[in-house]
């Protein structure tokens, strides 16, 4: 038996194209950058919770403030690469690895 395909469904990628334009356009790139920052904040928050740390405890471990950790987690602050590396290394005992997609 063939499944009936709902032709009214839109893929997430098509939705983004409609909402923000195709990849490479300024609106879409702005959205993608914001989304990456959001994901980074969520990642830090999840790591912190998995390690049983409060924002204040994490801040103390890596030499920053609770307010700054909160701003990162809530996507309210740009984060410098050196700060991110320090949070991962000193706050969680990990290593930061980056990749580039072209």
PDB file of N, CA and C in Angstrom:
ATOM      1  N   UNK A   1       0.840  -1.169   0.000  1.00  0.00           N
ATOM      2  CA  UNK A   1       0.000   0.000   0.000  1.00  0.00           C
ATOM      3  C   UNK A   1       0.892   1.241   0.000  1.00  0.00           C
ATOM      4  N   UNK A   2       0.629   2.163  -0.887  1.00  0.00           N
ATOM      5  CA  UNK A   2       1.393   3.405  -0.979  1.00  0.00           C
ATOM      6  C   UNK A   2       0.894   4.397   0.061  1.00  0.00           C
ATOM      7  N   UNK A   3       1.864   5.093   0.678  1.00  0.00           N
ATOM      8  CA  UNK A   3       1.491   6.156   1.603  1.00  0.00           C
ATOM      9  C   UNK A   3       1.127   7.396   0.809  1.00  0.00           C
ATOM     10  N   UNK A   4       0.122   8.077   1.267  1.00  0.00           N
ATOM     11  CA  UNK A   4      -0.287   9.317   0.631  1.00  0.00           C
ATOM     12  C   UNK A   4       0.627  10.443   1.122  1.00  0.00           C
ATOM     13  N   UNK A   5       1.205  11.168   0.207  1.00  0.00           N
ATOM     14  CA  UNK A   5       2.111  12.261   0.554  1.00  0.00           C
ATOM     15  C   UNK A   5       1.314  13.553   0.615  1.00  0.00           C
ATOM     16  N   UNK A   6       1.479  14.256   1.706  1.00  0.00           N
ATOM     17  CA  UNK A   6       0.786  15.532   1.863  1.00  0.00           C
ATOM     18  C   UNK A   6       1.575  16.607   1.132  1.00  0.00           C
ATOM     19  N   UNK A   7       1.055  17.081   0.030  1.00  0.00           N
ATOM     20  CA  UNK A   7       1.772  18.053  -0.787  1.00  0.00           C
ATOM     21  C   UNK A   7       1.784  19.447  -0.159  1.00  0.00           C
ATOM     22  N   UNK A   8       1.058  19.649   0.923  1.00  0.00           N
ATOM     23  CA  UNK A   8       1.025  20.944   1.581  1.00  0.00           C
ATOM     24  C   UNK A   8       2.141  21.099   2.614  1.00  0.00           C
ATOM     25  N   UNK A   9       2.880  20.027   2.906  1.00  0.00           N
ATOM     26  CA  UNK A   9       3.973  20.100   3.862  1.00  0.00           C
ATOM     27  C   UNK A   9       5.167  20.818   3.245  1.00  0.00           C
ATOM     28  N   UNK A  10       5.827  21.605   4.040  1.00  0.00           N
ATOM     29  CA  UNK A  10       7.006  22.339   3.600  1.00  0.00           C
ATOM     30  C   UNK A  10       8.195  21.867   4.420  1.00  0.00           C
ATOM     31  N   UNK A  11       9.305  21.600   3.768  1.00  0.00           N
ATOM     32  CA  UNK A  11      10.502  21.206   4.513  1.00  0.00           C
ATOM     33  C   UNK A  11      11.006  22.404   5.302  1.00  0.00           C
ATOM     34  N   UNK A  12      11.791  22.127   6.342  1.00  0.00           N
ATOM     35  CA  UNK A  12      12.339  23.196   7.158  1.00  0.00           C
ATOM     36  C   UNK A  12      13.230  24.104   6.309  1.00  0.00           C
ATOM     37  N   UNK A  13      14.015  23.510   5.436  1.00  0.00           N
ATOM     38  CA  UNK A  13      14.902  24.287   4.558  1.00  0.00           C
ATOM     39  C   UNK A  13      14.089  25.204   3.649  1.00  0.00           C
ATOM     40  N   UNK A  14      12.981  24.684   3.093  1.00  0.00           N
ATOM     41  CA  UNK A  14      12.116  25.515   2.244  1.00  0.00           C
ATOM     42  C   UNK A  14      11.477  26.640   3.057  1.00  0.00           C
ATOM     43  N   UNK A  15      11.101  26.325   4.288  1.00  0.00           N
ATOM     44  CA  UNK A  15      10.533  27.343   5.170  1.00  0.00           C
ATOM     45  C   UNK A  15      11.543  28.466   5.409  1.00  0.00           C
ATOM     46  N   UNK A  16      12.789  28.090   5.700  1.00  0.00           N
ATOM     47  CA  UNK A  16      13.832  29.095   5.913  1.00  0.00           C
ATOM     48  C   UNK A  16      14.056  29.914   4.658  1.00  0.00           C
ATOM     49  N   UNK A  17      14.052  29.256   3.501  1.00  0.00           N
ATOM     50  CA  UNK A  17      14.215  29.972   2.226  1.00  0.00           C
ATOM     51  C   UNK A  17      13.104  31.017   2.056  1.00  0.00           C
ATOM     52  N   UNK A  18      11.879  30.625   2.388  1.00  0.00           N
ATOM     53  CA  UNK A  18      10.746  31.534   2.250  1.00  0.00           C
ATOM     54  C   UNK A  18      10.813  32.667   3.280  1.00  0.00           C
ATOM     55  N   UNK A  19      11.176  32.337   4.493  1.00  0.00           N
ATOM     56  CA  UNK A  19      11.205  33.313   5.589  1.00  0.00           C
ATOM     57  C   UNK A  19      12.382  34.275   5.491  1.00  0.00           C
ATOM     58  N   UNK A  20      13.578  33.738   5.186  1.00  0.00           N
ATOM     59  CA  UNK A  20      14.808  34.527   5.279  1.00  0.00           C
ATOM     60  C   UNK A  20      15.578  34.641   3.973  1.00  0.00           C
ATOM     61  N   UNK A  21      15.125  33.967   2.939  1.00  0.00           N
ATOM     62  CA  UNK A  21      15.834  33.988   1.662  1.00  0.00           C
ATOM     63  C   UNK A  21      16.779  32.792   1.554  1.00  0.00           C
ATOM     64  N   UNK A  22      17.314  32.615   0.384  1.00  0.00           N
ATOM     65  CA  UNK A  22      18.240  31.496   0.129  1.00  0.00           C
ATOM     66  C   UNK A  22      19.558  31.727   0.857  1.00  0.00           C
ATOM     67  N   UNK A  23      20.290  30.629   1.096  1.00  0.00           N
ATOM     68  CA  UNK A  23      21.622  30.739   1.695  1.00  0.00           C
ATOM     69  C   UNK A  23      22.481  31.656   0.840  1.00  0.00           C
ATOM     70  N   UNK A  24      23.256  32.486   1.523  1.00  0.00           N
ATOM     71  CA  UNK A  24      24.103  33.431   0.818  1.00  0.00           C
ATOM     72  C   UNK A  24      23.528  34.842   0.802  1.00  0.00           C
ATOM     73  N   UNK A  25      22.207  34.962   0.981  1.00  0.00           N
ATOM     74  CA  UNK A  25      21.618  36.299   1.052  1.00  0.00           C
ATOM     75  C   UNK A  25      21.870  36.880   2.439  1.00  0.00           C
ATOM     76  N   UNK A  26      21.871  38.192   2.536  1.00  0.00           N
ATOM     77  CA  UNK A  26      22.223  38.829   3.814  1.00  0.00           C
ATOM     78  C   UNK A  26      21.243  38.465   4.929  1.00  0.00           C
ATOM     79  N   UNK A  27      19.938  38.444   4.630  1.00  0.00           N
ATOM     80  CA  UNK A  27      18.962  38.078   5.664  1.00  0.00           C
ATOM     81  C   UNK A  27      19.172  36.661   6.165  1.00  0.00           C
ATOM     82  N   UNK A  28      19.418  35.745   5.244  1.00  0.00           N
ATOM     83  CA  UNK A  28      19.599  34.345   5.622  1.00  0.00           C
ATOM     84  C   UNK A  28      20.880  34.171   6.425  1.00  0.00           C
ATOM     85  N   UNK A  29      21.948  34.818   6.012  1.00  0.00           N
ATOM     86  CA  UNK A  29      23.219  34.696   6.736  1.00  0.00           C
ATOM     87  C   UNK A  29      23.097  35.272   8.139  1.00  0.00           C
ATOM     88  N   UNK A  30      22.365  36.363   8.277  1.00  0.00           N
ATOM     89  CA  UNK A  30      22.128  36.956   9.598  1.00  0.00           C
ATOM     90  C   UNK A  30      21.368  35.964  10.480  1.00  0.00           C
ATOM     91  N   UNK A  31      20.341  35.324   9.909  1.00  0.00           N
ATOM     92  CA  UNK A  31      19.585  34.316  10.648  1.00  0.00           C
ATOM     93  C   UNK A  31      20.488  33.156  11.058  1.00  0.00           C
ATOM     94  N   UNK A  32      21.282  32.646  10.125  1.00  0.00           N
ATOM     95  CA  UNK A  32      22.148  31.500  10.405  1.00  0.00           C
ATOM     96  C   UNK A  32      23.157  31.826  11.510  1.00  0.00           C
ATOM     97  N   UNK A  33      23.736  33.016  11.493  1.00  0.00           N
ATOM     98  CA  UNK A  33      24.682  33.422  12.533  1.00  0.00           C
ATOM     99  C   UNK A  33      24.000  33.470  13.892  1.00  0.00           C
ATOM    100  N   UNK A  34      22.801  34.030  13.929  1.00  0.00           N
ATOM    101  CA  UNK A  34      22.046  34.092  15.178  1.00  0.00           C
ATOM    102  C   UNK A  34      21.692  32.714  15.695  1.00  0.00           C
ATOM    103  N   UNK A  35      21.356  31.811  14.776  1.00  0.00           N
ATOM    104  CA  UNK A  35      21.005  30.453  15.166  1.00  0.00           C
ATOM    105  C   UNK A  35      22.209  29.715  15.737  1.00  0.00           C
ATOM    106  N   UNK A  36      23.373  29.925  15.160  1.00  0.00           N
ATOM    107  CA  UNK A  36      24.592  29.301  15.673  1.00  0.00           C
ATOM    108  C   UNK A  36      24.906  29.807  17.080  1.00  0.00           C
ATOM    109  N   UNK A  37      24.719  31.100  17.307  1.00  0.00           N
ATOM    110  CA  UNK A  37      24.943  31.666  18.644  1.00  0.00           C
ATOM    111  C   UNK A  37      23.952  31.077  19.634  1.00  0.00           C
ATOM    112  N   UNK A  38      22.707  30.917  19.209  1.00  0.00           N
ATOM    113  CA  UNK A  38      21.690  30.307  20.059  1.00  0.00           C
ATOM    114  C   UNK A  38      22.086  28.877  20.434  1.00  0.00           C
ATOM    115  N   UNK A  39      22.518  28.095  19.436  1.00  0.00           N
ATOM    116  CA  UNK A  39      22.927  26.703  19.697  1.00  0.00           C
ATOM    117  C   UNK A  39      24.101  26.652  20.667  1.00  0.00           C
ATOM    118  N   UNK A  40      25.028  27.581  20.533  1.00  0.00           N
ATOM    119  CA  UNK A  40      26.177  27.630  21.427  1.00  0.00           C
ATOM    120  C   UNK A  40      25.734  27.873  22.866  1.00  0.00           C
ATOM    121  N   UNK A  41      24.817  28.800  23.062  1.00  0.00           N
ATOM    122  CA  UNK A  41      24.298  29.075  24.398  1.00  0.00           C
ATOM    123  C   UNK A  41      23.611  27.867  25.004  1.00  0.00           C
ATOM    124  N   UNK A  42      22.827  27.162  24.194  1.00  0.00           N
ATOM    125  CA  UNK A  42      22.139  25.960  24.663  1.00  0.00           C
ATOM    126  C   UNK A  42      23.157  24.877  25.020  1.00  0.00           C
ATOM    127  N   UNK A  43      24.195  24.731  24.202  1.00  0.00           N
ATOM    128  CA  UNK A  43      25.234  23.742  24.470  1.00  0.00           C
ATOM    129  C   UNK A  43      25.924  24.014  25.808  1.00  0.00           C
ATOM    130  N   UNK A  44      26.283  25.285  26.051  1.00  0.00           N
ATOM    131  CA  UNK A  44      26.929  25.647  27.316  1.00  0.00           C
ATOM    132  C   UNK A  44      26.004  25.339  28.481  1.00  0.00           C
ATOM    133  N   UNK A  45      24.746  25.695  28.348  1.00  0.00           N
ATOM    134  CA  UNK A  45      23.780  25.451  29.418  1.00  0.00           C
ATOM    135  C   UNK A  45      23.630  23.949  29.693  1.00  0.00           C
ATOM    136  N   UNK A  46      23.525  23.147  28.641  1.00  0.00           N
ATOM    137  CA  UNK A  46      23.385  21.702  28.821  1.00  0.00           C
ATOM    138  C   UNK A  46      24.627  21.102  29.471  1.00  0.00           C
ATOM    139  N   UNK A  47      25.798  21.519  29.027  1.00  0.00           N
ATOM    140  CA  UNK A  47      27.047  21.030  29.635  1.00  0.00           C
ATOM    141  C   UNK A  47      27.114  21.404  31.114  1.00  0.00           C
ATOM    142  N   UNK A  48      26.729  22.631  31.410  1.00  0.00           N
ATOM    143  CA  UNK A  48      26.759  23.098  32.800  1.00  0.00           C
ATOM    144  C   UNK A  48      25.837  22.247  33.667  1.00  0.00           C
ATOM    145  N   UNK A  49      24.634  21.999  33.202  1.00  0.00           N
ATOM    146  CA  UNK A  49      23.669  21.206  33.971  1.00  0.00           C
ATOM    147  C   UNK A  49      24.123  19.757  34.098  1.00  0.00           C
ATOM    148  N   UNK A  50      24.667  19.188  33.018  1.00  0.00           N
ATOM    149  CA  UNK A  50      25.172  17.809  33.063  1.00  0.00           C
ATOM    150  C   UNK A  50      26.291  17.662  34.087  1.00  0.00           C
ATOM    151  N   UNK A  51      27.059  18.741  34.273  1.00  0.00           N
ATOM    152  CA  UNK A  51      28.161  18.731  35.233  1.00  0.00           C
ATOM    153  C   UNK A  51      27.725  19.175  36.619  1.00  0.00           C
ATOM    154  N   UNK A  52      26.437  19.399  36.808  1.00  0.00           N
ATOM    155  CA  UNK A  52      25.892  19.765  38.103  1.00  0.00           C
ATOM    156  C   UNK A  52      26.378  21.109  38.616  1.00  0.00           C
ATOM    157  N   UNK A  53      26.608  22.043  37.700  1.00  0.00           N
ATOM    158  CA  UNK A  53      27.123  23.352  38.084  1.00  0.00           C
ATOM    159  C   UNK A  53      26.038  24.418  37.964  1.00  0.00           C
ATOM    160  N   UNK A  54      26.069  25.372  38.876  1.00  0.00           N
ATOM    161  CA  UNK A  54      25.246  26.562  38.720  1.00  0.00           C
ATOM    162  C   UNK A  54      25.997  27.515  37.804  1.00  0.00           C
ATOM    163  N   UNK A  55      25.318  28.544  37.349  1.00  0.00           N
ATOM    164  CA  UNK A  55      25.991  29.553  36.541  1.00  0.00           C
ATOM    165  C   UNK A  55      27.117  30.199  37.339  1.00  0.00           C
ATOM    166  N   UNK A  56      26.870  30.438  38.607  1.00  0.00           N
ATOM    167  CA  UNK A  56      27.883  31.057  39.463  1.00  0.00           C
ATOM    168  C   UNK A  56      29.109  30.156  39.618  1.00  0.00           C
ATOM    169  N   UNK A  57      28.888  28.861  39.809  1.00  0.00           N
ATOM    170  CA  UNK A  57      30.012  27.920  39.956  1.00  0.00           C
ATOM    171  C   UNK A  57      30.832  27.850  38.672  1.00  0.00           C
ATOM    172  N   UNK A  58      30.149  27.793  37.533  1.00  0.00           N
ATOM    173  CA  UNK A  58      30.864  27.766  36.255  1.00  0.00           C
ATOM    174  C   UNK A  58      31.676  29.049  36.069  1.00  0.00           C
ATOM    175  N   UNK A  59      31.070  30.168  36.388  1.00  0.00           N
ATOM    176  CA  UNK A  59      31.754  31.454  36.255  1.00  0.00           C
ATOM    177  C   UNK A  59      33.014  31.493  37.114  1.00  0.00           C
ATOM    178  N   UNK A  60      32.925  31.006  38.340  1.00  0.00           N
ATOM    179  CA  UNK A  60      34.086  30.990  39.232  1.00  0.00           C
ATOM    180  C   UNK A  60      35.197  30.111  38.682  1.00  0.00           C
ATOM    181  N   UNK A  61      34.827  28.959  38.120  1.00  0.00           N
ATOM    182  CA  UNK A  61      35.829  28.030  37.589  1.00  0.00           C
ATOM    183  C   UNK A  61      36.598  28.610  36.409  1.00  0.00           C
ATOM    184  N   UNK A  62      35.953  29.451  35.623  1.00  0.00           N
ATOM    185  CA  UNK A  62      36.623  29.951  34.418  1.00  0.00           C
ATOM    186  C   UNK A  62      36.890  31.456  34.454  1.00  0.00           C
ATOM    187  N   UNK A  63      36.756  32.056  35.602  1.00  0.00           N
ATOM    188  CA  UNK A  63      37.175  33.446  35.769  1.00  0.00           C
ATOM    189  C   UNK A  63      36.304  34.482  35.100  1.00  0.00           C
ATOM    190  N   UNK A  64      35.012  34.271  35.126  1.00  0.00           N
ATOM    191  CA  UNK A  64      34.088  35.261  34.576  1.00  0.00           C
ATOM    192  C   UNK A  64      32.963  35.474  35.586  1.00  0.00           C
ATOM    193  N   UNK A  65      31.881  36.088  35.164  1.00  0.00           N
ATOM    194  CA  UNK A  65      30.789  36.373  36.092  1.00  0.00           C
ATOM    195  C   UNK A  65      29.556  35.541  35.760  1.00  0.00           C
ATOM    196  N   UNK A  66      28.704  35.366  36.760  1.00  0.00           N
ATOM    197  CA  UNK A  66      27.439  34.660  36.568  1.00  0.00           C
ATOM    198  C   UNK A  66      26.608  35.373  35.500  1.00  0.00           C
ATOM    199  N   UNK A  67      26.625  36.699  35.532  1.00  0.00           N
ATOM    200  CA  UNK A  67      25.867  37.486  34.559  1.00  0.00           C
ATOM    201  C   UNK A  67      26.319  37.183  33.136  1.00  0.00           C
ATOM    202  N   UNK A  68      27.638  37.060  32.929  1.00  0.00           N
ATOM    203  CA  UNK A  68      28.155  36.774  31.596  1.00  0.00           C
ATOM    204  C   UNK A  68      27.745  35.377  31.141  1.00  0.00           C
ATOM    205  N   UNK A  69      27.828  34.392  32.044  1.00  0.00           N
ATOM    206  CA  UNK A  69      27.390  33.031  31.701  1.00  0.00           C
ATOM    207  C   UNK A  69      25.910  33.046  31.335  1.00  0.00           C
ATOM    208  N   UNK A  70      25.112  33.748  32.104  1.00  0.00           N
ATOM    209  CA  UNK A  70      23.678  33.852  31.826  1.00  0.00           C
ATOM    210  C   UNK A  70      23.431  34.490  30.459  1.00  0.00           C
ATOM    211  N   UNK A  71      24.173  35.539  30.154  1.00  0.00           N
ATOM    212  CA  UNK A  71      23.998  36.212  28.869  1.00  0.00           C
ATOM    213  C   UNK A  71      24.376  35.300  27.706  1.00  0.00           C
ATOM    214  N   UNK A  72      25.414  34.484  27.871  1.00  0.00           N
ATOM    215  CA  UNK A  72      25.800  33.527  26.828  1.00  0.00           C
ATOM    216  C   UNK A  72      24.689  32.497  26.637  1.00  0.00           C
ATOM    217  N   UNK A  73      24.213  31.941  27.754  1.00  0.00           N
ATOM    218  CA  UNK A  73      23.181  30.910  27.683  1.00  0.00           C
ATOM    219  C   UNK A  73      21.875  31.435  27.096  1.00  0.00           C
ATOM    220  N   UNK A  74      21.617  32.708  27.258  1.00  0.00           N
ATOM    221  CA  UNK A  74      20.373  33.301  26.761  1.00  0.00           C
ATOM    222  C   UNK A  74      20.556  34.056  25.455  1.00  0.00           C
ATOM    223  N   UNK A  75      21.692  33.827  24.803  1.00  0.00           N
ATOM    224  CA  UNK A  75      21.975  34.409  23.493  1.00  0.00           C
ATOM    225  C   UNK A  75      21.912  35.933  23.512  1.00  0.00           C
ATOM    226  N   UNK A  76      22.306  36.527  24.638  1.00  0.00           N
ATOM    227  CA  UNK A  76      22.257  37.984  24.754  1.00  0.00           C
ATOM    228  C   UNK A  76      23.638  38.606  24.640  1.00  0.00           C
ATOM    229  N   UNK A  77      24.648  37.781  24.393  1.00  0.00           N
ATOM    230  CA  UNK A  77      26.005  38.305  24.349  1.00  0.00           C
ATOM    231  C   UNK A  77      26.834  37.549  23.325  1.00  0.00           C
ATOM    232  N   UNK A  78      27.604  38.282  22.545  1.00  0.00           N
ATOM    233  CA  UNK A  78      28.581  37.641  21.681  1.00  0.00           C
ATOM    234  C   UNK A  78      29.674  37.082  22.576  1.00  0.00           C
ATOM    235  N   UNK A  79      30.240  35.978  22.183  1.00  0.00           N
ATOM    236  CA  UNK A  79      31.285  35.356  22.991  1.00  0.00           C
ATOM    237  C   UNK A  79      32.572  35.299  22.179  1.00  0.00           C
ATOM    238  N   UNK A  80      33.647  35.694  22.810  1.00  0.00           N
ATOM    239  CA  UNK A  80      34.950  35.636  22.161  1.00  0.00           C
ATOM    240  C   UNK A  80      35.427  34.190  22.150  1.00  0.00           C
ATOM    241  N   UNK A  81      36.164  33.837  21.115  1.00  0.00           N
ATOM    242  CA  UNK A  81      36.688  32.481  20.999  1.00  0.00           C
ATOM    243  C   UNK A  81      37.554  32.130  22.207  1.00  0.00           C
ATOM    244  N   UNK A  82      38.391  33.052  22.650  1.00  0.00           N
ATOM    245  CA  UNK A  82      39.259  32.776  23.805  1.00  0.00           C
ATOM    246  C   UNK A  82      38.436  32.500  25.059  1.00  0.00           C
ATOM    247  N   UNK A  83      37.320  33.214  25.219  1.00  0.00           N
ATOM    248  CA  UNK A  83      36.450  32.984  26.377  1.00  0.00           C
ATOM    249  C   UNK A  83      35.767  31.633  26.266  1.00  0.00           C
ATOM    250  N   UNK A  84      35.297  31.304  25.085  1.00  0.00           N
ATOM    251  CA  UNK A  84      34.662  30.004  24.874  1.00  0.00           C
ATOM    252  C   UNK A  84      35.643  28.878  25.173  1.00  0.00           C
ATOM    253  N   UNK A  85      36.865  29.024  24.702  1.00  0.00           N
ATOM    254  CA  UNK A  85      37.885  28.001  24.952  1.00  0.00           C
ATOM    255  C   UNK A  85      38.144  27.863  26.450  1.00  0.00           C
ATOM    256  N   UNK A  86      38.187  28.988  27.167  1.00  0.00           N
ATOM    257  CA  UNK A  86      38.426  28.959  28.611  1.00  0.00           C
ATOM    258  C   UNK A  86      37.259  28.294  29.347  1.00  0.00           C
ATOM    259  N   UNK A  87      36.029  28.581  28.934  1.00  0.00           N
ATOM    260  CA  UNK A  87      34.861  27.962  29.560  1.00  0.00           C
ATOM    261  C   UNK A  87      34.903  26.455  29.372  1.00  0.00           C
ATOM    262  N   UNK A  88      35.190  26.010  28.156  1.00  0.00           N
ATOM    263  CA  UNK A  88      35.229  24.573  27.876  1.00  0.00           C
ATOM    264  C   UNK A  88      36.375  23.908  28.627  1.00  0.00           C
ATOM    265  N   UNK A  89      37.551  24.520  28.624  1.00  0.00           N
ATOM    266  CA  UNK A  89      38.727  23.917  29.256  1.00  0.00           C
ATOM    267  C   UNK A  89      38.657  23.985  30.780  1.00  0.00           C
ATOM    268  N   UNK A  90      38.493  25.183  31.320  1.00  0.00           N
ATOM    269  CA  UNK A  90      38.540  25.352  32.772  1.00  0.00           C
ATOM    270  C   UNK A  90      37.207  25.029  33.439  1.00  0.00           C
ATOM    271  N   UNK A  91      36.126  25.321  32.761  1.00  0.00           N
ATOM    272  CA  UNK A  91      34.812  25.073  33.345  1.00  0.00           C
ATOM    273  C   UNK A  91      34.382  23.619  33.286  1.00  0.00           C
ATOM    274  N   UNK A  92      34.732  22.948  32.163  1.00  0.00           N
ATOM    275  CA  UNK A  92      34.275  21.570  31.966  1.00  0.00           C
ATOM    276  C   UNK A  92      35.402  20.557  31.818  1.00  0.00           C
ATOM    277  N   UNK A  93      36.638  21.024  31.754  1.00  0.00           N
ATOM    278  CA  UNK A  93      37.761  20.102  31.585  1.00  0.00           C
ATOM    279  C   UNK A  93      37.810  19.478  30.206  1.00  0.00           C
ATOM    280  N   UNK A  94      37.280  20.168  29.220  1.00  0.00           N
ATOM    281  CA  UNK A  94      37.231  19.625  27.863  1.00  0.00           C
ATOM    282  C   UNK A  94      38.091  20.408  26.902  1.00  0.00           C
ATOM    283  N   UNK A  95      38.017  20.012  25.637  1.00  0.00           N
ATOM    284  CA  UNK A  95      38.728  20.697  24.564  1.00  0.00           C
ATOM    285  C   UNK A  95      37.718  21.152  23.528  1.00  0.00           C
ATOM    286  N   UNK A  96      37.930  22.340  23.017  1.00  0.00           N
ATOM    287  CA  UNK A  96      37.073  22.872  21.973  1.00  0.00           C
ATOM    288  C   UNK A  96      37.640  22.475  20.620  1.00  0.00           C
ATOM    289  N   UNK A  97      36.803  21.914  19.773  1.00  0.00           N
ATOM    290  CA  UNK A  97      37.182  21.588  18.404  1.00  0.00           C
ATOM    291  C   UNK A  97      36.234  22.279  17.470  1.00  0.00           C
ATOM    292  N   UNK A  98      36.778  22.922  16.469  1.00  0.00           N
ATOM    293  CA  UNK A  98      35.956  23.664  15.520  1.00  0.00           C
ATOM    294  C   UNK A  98      36.023  23.012  14.144  1.00  0.00           C
ATOM    295  N   UNK A  99      34.985  23.238  13.375  1.00  0.00           N
ATOM    296  CA  UNK A  99      35.028  22.795  11.978  1.00  0.00           C
ATOM    297  C   UNK A  99      34.467  23.926  11.129  1.00  0.00           C
ATOM    298  N   UNK A 100      34.832  23.909   9.872  1.00  0.00           N
ATOM    299  CA  UNK A 100      34.394  24.927   8.935  1.00  0.00           C
ATOM    300  C   UNK A 100      33.681  24.228   7.790  1.00  0.00           C
ATOM    301  N   UNK A 101      32.499  24.736   7.452  1.00  0.00           N
ATOM    302  CA  UNK A 101      31.752  24.207   6.313  1.00  0.00           C
ATOM    303  C   UNK A 101      31.766  25.252   5.212  1.00  0.00           C
ATOM    304  N   UNK A 102      32.109  24.829   4.023  1.00  0.00           N
ATOM    305  CA  UNK A 102      32.157  25.756   2.889  1.00  0.00           C
ATOM    306  C   UNK A 102      31.213  25.265   1.818  1.00  0.00           C
TER     307      UNK A 102
END
